């Protein structure tokens, strides 16, 4: 496959200009960094800053907006943002009571966000980090904190941002962020690997007629392969794995928020069909669905595949998820 742009640095810069040109959300660039801030969340005491590599658009730059992240920062394709860029965003959002950094649990992101967090703490700022770890394929129970973050980023960012909007204390905002993180699980499958922007080659080889299960958002291979299956057979198997994972952590699925996320090249027709199969399964298993969405939220360049994210809700989390928000990536009215 050939992209319309094959220079990664140029592509990212142009993508940022496109985010800034989007008329639905007022955003401002932070210096010369691949970073934006939203001035409409000015009344918050606790600020939310998110980030990760490029190549996952509309995440991460696209999830800054009213009711969502105060600031967002991106790195190069599938690479963590630099510590100085993260620090610049922390300074730009001007936190009164503190700042919470939300990012996927990848080694590069952990290192760079932690460096920026330590610098902010040395300057007298209260800082916490929420490392999203929703990918059930990347580590077994009970090693939840070893798992990667994938599309679960969306629900975690949405809920913790709503908590900040309510004017809650720093301690409560962090508590809610950790709670929704613990309550969120995802699993992905792919029928074709992502194509590297610079080489035009697939990031891993996947034979025709097979699917990859549990691959990461950075183009990593999955944990196993199987023969290709139609959605009506594959989706129930994925959901059974997700439900079992909730049960293993003594968090039975009694009320759900659901996101069907396209990984880059999966058609809307397919995503809607998958969404229907997900709802049929949950209805059959008497799991009430408080919210369900399908679309491209956290991609892996042009990977052909999808992920299913489920958050187990209680009254507190459902109320926060229901709060209105607006961004290029995710909007609720």
Protein backbone atom coordinates (compact mmCIF):
# COMPACT_ATOMS: atom_id res chain seq x y z
CA UNK A 1 0.00 0.00 0.00
CA UNK A 2 1.09 3.57 -0.68
CA UNK A 3 -0.01 6.43 1.55
CA UNK A 4 -0.81 9.85 0.12
CA UNK A 5 2.01 11.07 2.33
CA UNK A 6 5.10 8.92 2.92
CA UNK A 7 7.23 11.27 5.02
CA UNK A 8 6.21 10.54 8.65
CA UNK A 9 7.33 13.90 10.07
CA UNK A 10 5.57 15.88 7.35
CA UNK A 11 2.44 13.76 7.70
CA UNK A 12 2.25 14.34 11.46
CA UNK A 13 2.74 18.08 11.11
CA UNK A 14 0.01 18.26 8.47
CA UNK A 15 -2.29 16.13 10.62
CA UNK A 16 -1.83 18.59 13.48
CA UNK A 17 -2.76 21.46 11.17
CA UNK A 18 -5.90 19.52 10.28
CA UNK A 19 -6.83 19.08 13.94
CA UNK A 20 -6.36 22.82 14.50
CA UNK A 21 -8.47 23.58 11.42
CA UNK A 22 -11.40 21.53 12.73
CA UNK A 23 -14.10 24.10 13.49
CA UNK A 24 -15.98 22.03 16.08
CA UNK A 25 -13.42 22.52 18.87
CA UNK A 26 -11.27 25.55 19.71
CA UNK A 27 -7.70 24.32 20.20
CA UNK A 28 -4.38 26.10 20.45
CA UNK A 29 -0.97 24.73 19.57
CA UNK A 30 1.68 24.61 22.28
CA UNK A 31 4.80 26.27 20.87
CA UNK A 32 6.36 24.18 18.12
CA UNK A 33 5.48 20.90 19.83
CA UNK A 34 3.06 18.29 18.49
CA UNK A 35 0.68 19.38 21.21
CA UNK A 36 -2.59 21.23 21.73
CA UNK A 37 -4.59 22.70 24.60
CA UNK A 38 -8.28 23.49 24.92
CA UNK A 39 -9.01 26.87 26.55
CA UNK A 40 -12.70 26.05 27.17
CA UNK A 41 -11.98 23.92 30.26
CA UNK A 42 -10.72 26.99 32.11
CA UNK A 43 -12.77 26.47 35.28
CA UNK A 44 -11.19 23.16 36.29
CA UNK A 45 -9.03 22.96 39.40
CA UNK A 46 -7.46 19.68 38.25
CA UNK A 47 -6.12 19.45 34.71
CA UNK A 48 -6.04 16.38 32.47
CA UNK A 49 -3.12 15.95 30.05
CA UNK A 50 -3.02 12.95 27.70
CA UNK A 51 -0.65 11.69 25.07
CA UNK A 52 1.04 8.97 23.10
CA UNK A 53 2.47 8.22 19.70
CA UNK A 54 1.13 9.41 16.37
CA UNK A 55 -0.47 6.87 14.05
CA UNK A 56 -3.48 6.35 16.34
CA UNK A 57 -5.54 9.23 14.99
CA UNK A 58 -7.94 10.65 15.98
CA UNK A 59 -6.34 9.76 19.35
CA UNK A 60 -4.40 11.55 20.97
CA UNK A 61 -4.43 15.13 19.70
CA UNK A 62 -8.05 14.74 18.70
CA UNK A 63 -9.34 14.04 22.21
CA UNK A 64 -8.59 17.46 23.63
CA UNK A 65 -11.76 19.52 23.90
CA UNK A 66 -14.58 20.71 26.16
CA UNK A 67 -15.41 17.98 28.66
CA UNK A 68 -12.32 16.00 27.66
CA UNK A 69 -8.56 16.52 27.95
CA UNK A 70 -7.21 19.98 28.73
CA UNK A 71 -4.10 19.21 26.72
CA UNK A 72 -2.76 16.48 24.45
CA UNK A 73 0.71 15.72 23.18
CA UNK A 74 1.93 13.35 20.46
CA UNK A 75 5.22 11.73 19.55
CA UNK A 76 6.38 10.46 16.20
CA UNK A 77 4.62 7.45 14.67
CA UNK A 78 4.24 4.80 17.40
CA UNK A 79 6.76 6.66 19.60
CA UNK A 80 6.25 8.35 22.95
CA UNK A 81 6.15 12.15 23.18
CA UNK A 82 9.38 13.73 24.40
CA UNK A 83 9.53 14.78 28.07
CA UNK A 84 10.05 18.44 27.16
CA UNK A 85 6.88 18.41 25.03
CA UNK A 86 4.90 16.86 27.88
CA UNK A 87 6.30 19.45 30.29
CA UNK A 88 5.32 22.25 27.90
CA UNK A 89 1.71 21.04 27.87
CA UNK A 90 1.62 20.74 31.67
CA UNK A 91 2.79 24.34 31.89
CA UNK A 92 0.34 25.49 29.20
CA UNK A 93 -2.78 24.11 30.93
CA UNK A 94 -1.94 26.13 34.08
CA UNK A 95 -3.18 23.71 36.75
CA UNK A 96 -4.42 25.22 40.02
CA UNK A 97 -4.69 22.14 42.22
CA UNK A 98 -2.80 19.57 40.17
CA UNK A 99 -2.54 17.66 36.90
CA UNK A 100 -3.27 14.05 36.01
CA UNK A 101 -1.31 12.50 33.13
CA UNK A 102 -3.23 9.80 31.24
CA UNK A 103 -1.46 7.56 28.73
CA UNK A 104 -1.19 3.99 27.52
CA UNK A 105 1.01 1.60 29.47
CA UNK A 106 3.97 1.32 27.07
CA UNK A 107 7.57 1.49 28.25
CA UNK A 108 8.49 4.61 26.27
CA UNK A 109 5.41 6.49 27.42
CA UNK A 110 5.95 5.41 31.03
CA UNK A 111 9.55 6.66 30.93
CA UNK A 112 8.88 10.02 29.28
CA UNK A 113 5.70 10.91 31.15
CA UNK A 114 7.37 9.97 34.43
CA UNK A 115 10.32 12.26 33.66
CA UNK A 116 7.92 15.14 32.98
CA UNK A 117 5.91 14.30 36.11
CA UNK A 118 9.04 14.36 38.28
CA UNK A 119 10.04 17.73 36.85
CA UNK A 120 6.59 19.16 37.58
CA UNK A 121 6.70 17.82 41.14
CA UNK A 122 10.09 19.45 41.67
CA UNK A 123 8.41 22.72 40.68
CA UNK A 124 5.84 22.25 43.42
CA UNK A 125 2.97 20.86 41.34
CA UNK A 126 0.76 17.98 42.45
CA UNK A 127 0.97 15.30 39.73
CA UNK A 128 -0.51 11.82 39.29
CA UNK A 129 -0.25 9.33 36.44
CA UNK A 130 -2.97 6.99 35.18
CA UNK A 131 -1.46 4.31 32.94
CA UNK A 132 -4.24 2.75 30.90
CA UNK A 133 -3.98 -1.05 30.87
CA UNK A 134 -7.10 -2.42 29.19
CA UNK A 135 -5.63 -4.95 26.71
CA UNK A 136 -6.45 -8.38 28.14
CA UNK A 137 -4.24 -10.17 25.60
CA UNK A 138 -1.02 -8.53 26.75
CA UNK A 139 -0.86 -10.00 30.28
CA UNK A 140 -2.85 -12.48 32.32
CA UNK A 141 -4.79 -11.90 35.51
CA UNK A 142 -3.58 -10.84 38.06
CA UNK A 143 -0.82 -8.85 36.27
CA UNK A 144 -3.27 -6.14 35.21
CA UNK A 145 -0.71 -3.36 35.58
CA UNK A 146 1.55 -5.10 33.04
CA UNK A 147 -1.08 -4.81 30.31
CA UNK A 148 -0.90 -2.37 27.42
CA UNK A 149 -3.33 0.45 26.83
CA UNK A 150 -5.38 0.34 23.63
CA UNK A 151 -8.84 1.78 22.86
CA UNK A 152 -9.75 1.81 26.56
CA UNK A 153 -7.93 5.16 26.60
CA UNK A 154 -11.13 6.76 25.31
CA UNK A 155 -13.41 5.77 28.19
CA UNK A 156 -10.69 6.47 30.77
CA UNK A 157 -10.04 9.97 29.40
CA UNK A 158 -13.77 10.69 29.09
CA UNK A 159 -14.61 9.70 32.66
CA UNK A 160 -11.64 11.31 34.39
CA UNK A 161 -12.21 14.54 32.44
CA UNK A 162 -15.85 14.62 33.54
CA UNK A 163 -14.69 14.20 37.14
CA UNK A 164 -12.41 17.22 36.70
CA UNK A 165 -15.33 19.18 35.21
CA UNK A 166 -17.33 18.57 38.38
CA UNK A 167 -14.70 20.42 40.37
CA UNK A 168 -13.75 17.36 42.39
CA UNK A 169 -10.61 17.32 44.49
CA UNK A 170 -7.30 16.09 43.10
CA UNK A 171 -7.60 12.94 45.22
CA UNK A 172 -11.09 12.16 43.92
CA UNK A 173 -10.20 12.82 40.29
CA UNK A 174 -7.27 10.40 40.57
CA UNK A 175 -9.44 7.83 42.36
CA UNK A 176 -12.04 7.95 39.59
CA UNK A 177 -9.35 7.68 36.91
CA UNK A 178 -7.91 4.57 38.53
CA UNK A 179 -11.41 3.15 38.99
CA UNK A 180 -12.46 3.46 35.34
CA UNK A 181 -9.06 2.10 34.31
CA UNK A 182 -9.58 -0.99 36.47
CA UNK A 183 -13.14 -1.36 35.15
CA UNK A 184 -12.13 -1.34 31.46
CA UNK A 185 -11.12 -4.27 29.24
CA UNK A 186 -10.35 -4.51 25.51
CA UNK A 187 -9.42 -7.15 22.96
CA UNK A 188 -8.42 -6.65 19.33
CA UNK A 189 -8.11 -8.74 16.18
CA UNK A 190 -6.63 -7.99 12.76
CA UNK A 191 -6.72 -9.50 9.31
CA UNK A 192 -3.85 -7.36 8.01
CA UNK A 193 -0.92 -5.64 9.71
CA UNK A 194 -0.37 -1.91 9.68
CA UNK A 195 1.81 -0.57 6.88
CA UNK A 196 4.92 1.35 7.94
CA UNK A 197 4.72 4.94 6.71
CA UNK A 198 8.41 5.18 5.78
CA UNK A 199 8.92 1.79 4.07
CA UNK A 200 5.46 0.93 2.78
CA UNK A 201 5.93 -2.60 4.15
CA UNK A 202 3.65 -4.47 6.58
CA UNK A 203 4.83 -4.33 10.19
CA UNK A 204 4.35 -8.07 10.58
CA UNK A 205 3.54 -10.89 8.18
CA UNK A 206 0.08 -12.41 8.39
CA UNK A 207 -0.73 -15.21 5.94
CA UNK A 208 -3.86 -14.92 3.84
CA UNK A 209 -6.82 -16.55 5.55
CA UNK A 210 -5.54 -16.01 9.11
CA UNK A 211 -6.29 -13.43 11.78
CA UNK A 212 -4.04 -12.02 14.49
CA UNK A 213 -5.53 -11.93 17.99
CA UNK A 214 -4.36 -9.52 20.68
CA UNK A 215 -2.02 -7.30 18.66
CA UNK A 216 -0.96 -3.91 20.02
CA UNK A 217 -1.69 -0.43 18.70
CA UNK A 218 1.99 0.10 17.83
CA UNK A 219 1.97 -2.56 15.14
CA UNK A 220 3.10 -5.35 17.48
CA UNK A 221 2.18 -8.92 16.64
CA UNK A 222 -0.60 -10.51 18.65
CA UNK A 223 -0.50 -13.37 21.09
CA UNK A 224 -1.91 -16.01 18.75
CA UNK A 225 -3.34 -16.65 15.31
CA UNK A 226 -6.32 -18.54 14.04
CA UNK A 227 -8.19 -19.17 10.83
CA UNK A 228 -10.27 -16.26 9.59
CA UNK A 229 -13.83 -16.34 10.90
CA UNK A 230 -16.93 -14.30 10.09
CA UNK A 231 -17.97 -11.72 12.66
CA UNK A 232 -20.98 -13.69 13.85
CA UNK A 233 -18.59 -16.44 15.03
CA UNK A 234 -15.60 -14.31 16.07
CA UNK A 235 -17.41 -11.65 18.13
CA UNK A 236 -19.01 -14.05 20.64
CA UNK A 237 -15.62 -15.69 21.23
CA UNK A 238 -14.02 -12.31 21.92
CA UNK A 239 -16.83 -11.32 24.26
CA UNK A 240 -16.59 -14.58 26.16
CA UNK A 241 -12.90 -13.82 26.76
CA UNK A 242 -13.70 -10.30 27.94
CA UNK A 243 -16.50 -11.44 30.25
CA UNK A 244 -14.28 -14.18 31.70
CA UNK A 245 -11.56 -11.62 32.39
CA UNK A 246 -13.98 -9.44 34.34
CA UNK A 247 -15.08 -12.46 36.36
CA UNK A 248 -11.49 -13.49 37.12
CA UNK A 249 -10.94 -10.10 38.75
CA UNK A 250 -14.15 -10.43 40.78
CA UNK A 251 -15.78 -7.66 38.77
CA UNK A 252 -18.79 -9.35 37.14
CA UNK A 253 -20.20 -7.51 34.15
CA UNK A 254 -23.58 -6.17 35.29
CA UNK A 255 -23.82 -2.88 33.36
CA UNK A 256 -21.70 -1.99 30.35
CA UNK A 257 -20.34 0.79 28.20
CA UNK A 258 -19.18 -0.61 24.87
CA UNK A 259 -16.93 0.70 22.11
CA UNK A 260 -16.29 -1.05 18.80
CA UNK A 261 -13.13 0.55 17.48
CA UNK A 262 -11.84 0.33 13.93
CA UNK A 263 -8.07 0.01 13.65
CA UNK A 264 -7.65 1.95 10.42
CA UNK A 265 -8.94 0.10 7.36
CA UNK A 266 -12.03 -1.67 8.64
CA UNK A 267 -15.13 -0.37 6.88
CA UNK A 268 -18.00 1.34 8.66
CA UNK A 269 -20.26 -1.39 7.30
CA UNK A 270 -18.18 -4.01 9.12
CA UNK A 271 -17.99 -2.00 12.34
CA UNK A 272 -21.76 -1.58 12.44
CA UNK A 273 -22.27 -5.29 11.81
CA UNK A 274 -19.82 -6.10 14.61
CA UNK A 275 -21.66 -3.65 16.86
CA UNK A 276 -24.90 -5.49 16.20
CA UNK A 277 -23.33 -8.84 17.08
CA UNK A 278 -21.93 -7.37 20.30
CA UNK A 279 -25.32 -6.06 21.34
CA UNK A 280 -27.01 -9.37 20.55
CA UNK A 281 -24.52 -11.22 22.77
CA UNK A 282 -24.91 -8.80 25.69
CA UNK A 283 -28.71 -8.83 25.41
CA UNK A 284 -28.69 -12.63 25.38
CA UNK A 285 -26.54 -12.63 28.52
CA UNK A 286 -28.78 -10.03 30.23
CA UNK A 287 -26.08 -7.36 30.45
CA UNK A 288 -27.67 -3.88 30.26
CA UNK A 289 -25.81 -1.51 27.93
CA UNK A 290 -25.78 2.10 29.08
CA UNK A 291 -23.71 3.34 26.14
CA UNK A 292 -22.49 1.86 22.86
CA UNK A 293 -20.47 3.40 20.04
CA UNK A 294 -18.78 2.20 16.86
CA UNK A 295 -16.20 4.03 14.77
CA UNK A 296 -12.53 4.89 14.38
CA UNK A 297 -11.28 6.18 17.73
CA UNK A 298 -7.82 4.70 18.36
CA UNK A 299 -6.27 3.38 15.17
CA UNK A 300 -3.02 1.70 14.18
CA UNK A 301 -2.35 3.47 10.87
CA UNK A 302 -4.07 1.33 8.21
CA UNK A 303 -4.37 -1.94 10.13
CA UNK A 304 -7.38 -3.98 9.03
CA UNK A 305 -9.05 -5.03 12.25
CA UNK A 306 -11.09 -3.93 15.22
CA UNK A 307 -11.16 -4.00 18.98
CA UNK A 308 -13.98 -4.33 21.46
CA UNK A 309 -13.79 -2.30 24.66
CA UNK A 310 -16.12 -2.83 27.60
CA UNK A 311 -16.26 -0.80 30.80
CA UNK A 312 -18.14 -2.19 33.78
CA UNK A 313 -20.25 0.71 35.07
CA UNK A 314 -21.70 1.66 38.41
CA UNK A 315 -23.81 4.75 39.14
CA UNK A 316 -20.77 6.98 39.60
CA UNK A 317 -19.04 5.94 36.38
CA UNK A 318 -22.22 5.95 34.30
CA UNK A 319 -23.03 9.50 35.38
CA UNK A 320 -19.56 10.70 34.44
CA UNK A 321 -19.59 8.88 31.10
CA UNK A 322 -22.96 10.47 30.28
CA UNK A 323 -21.68 14.04 30.74
CA UNK A 324 -21.47 16.04 27.49
CA UNK A 325 -18.14 16.48 25.72
CA UNK A 326 -16.89 17.60 22.34
CA UNK A 327 -13.78 16.76 20.34
CA UNK A 328 -12.66 15.57 16.93
CA UNK A 329 -12.22 12.06 18.36
CA UNK A 330 -15.21 11.64 20.65
CA UNK A 331 -18.39 13.64 21.25
CA UNK A 332 -21.38 13.16 23.55
CA UNK A 333 -24.32 15.54 23.69
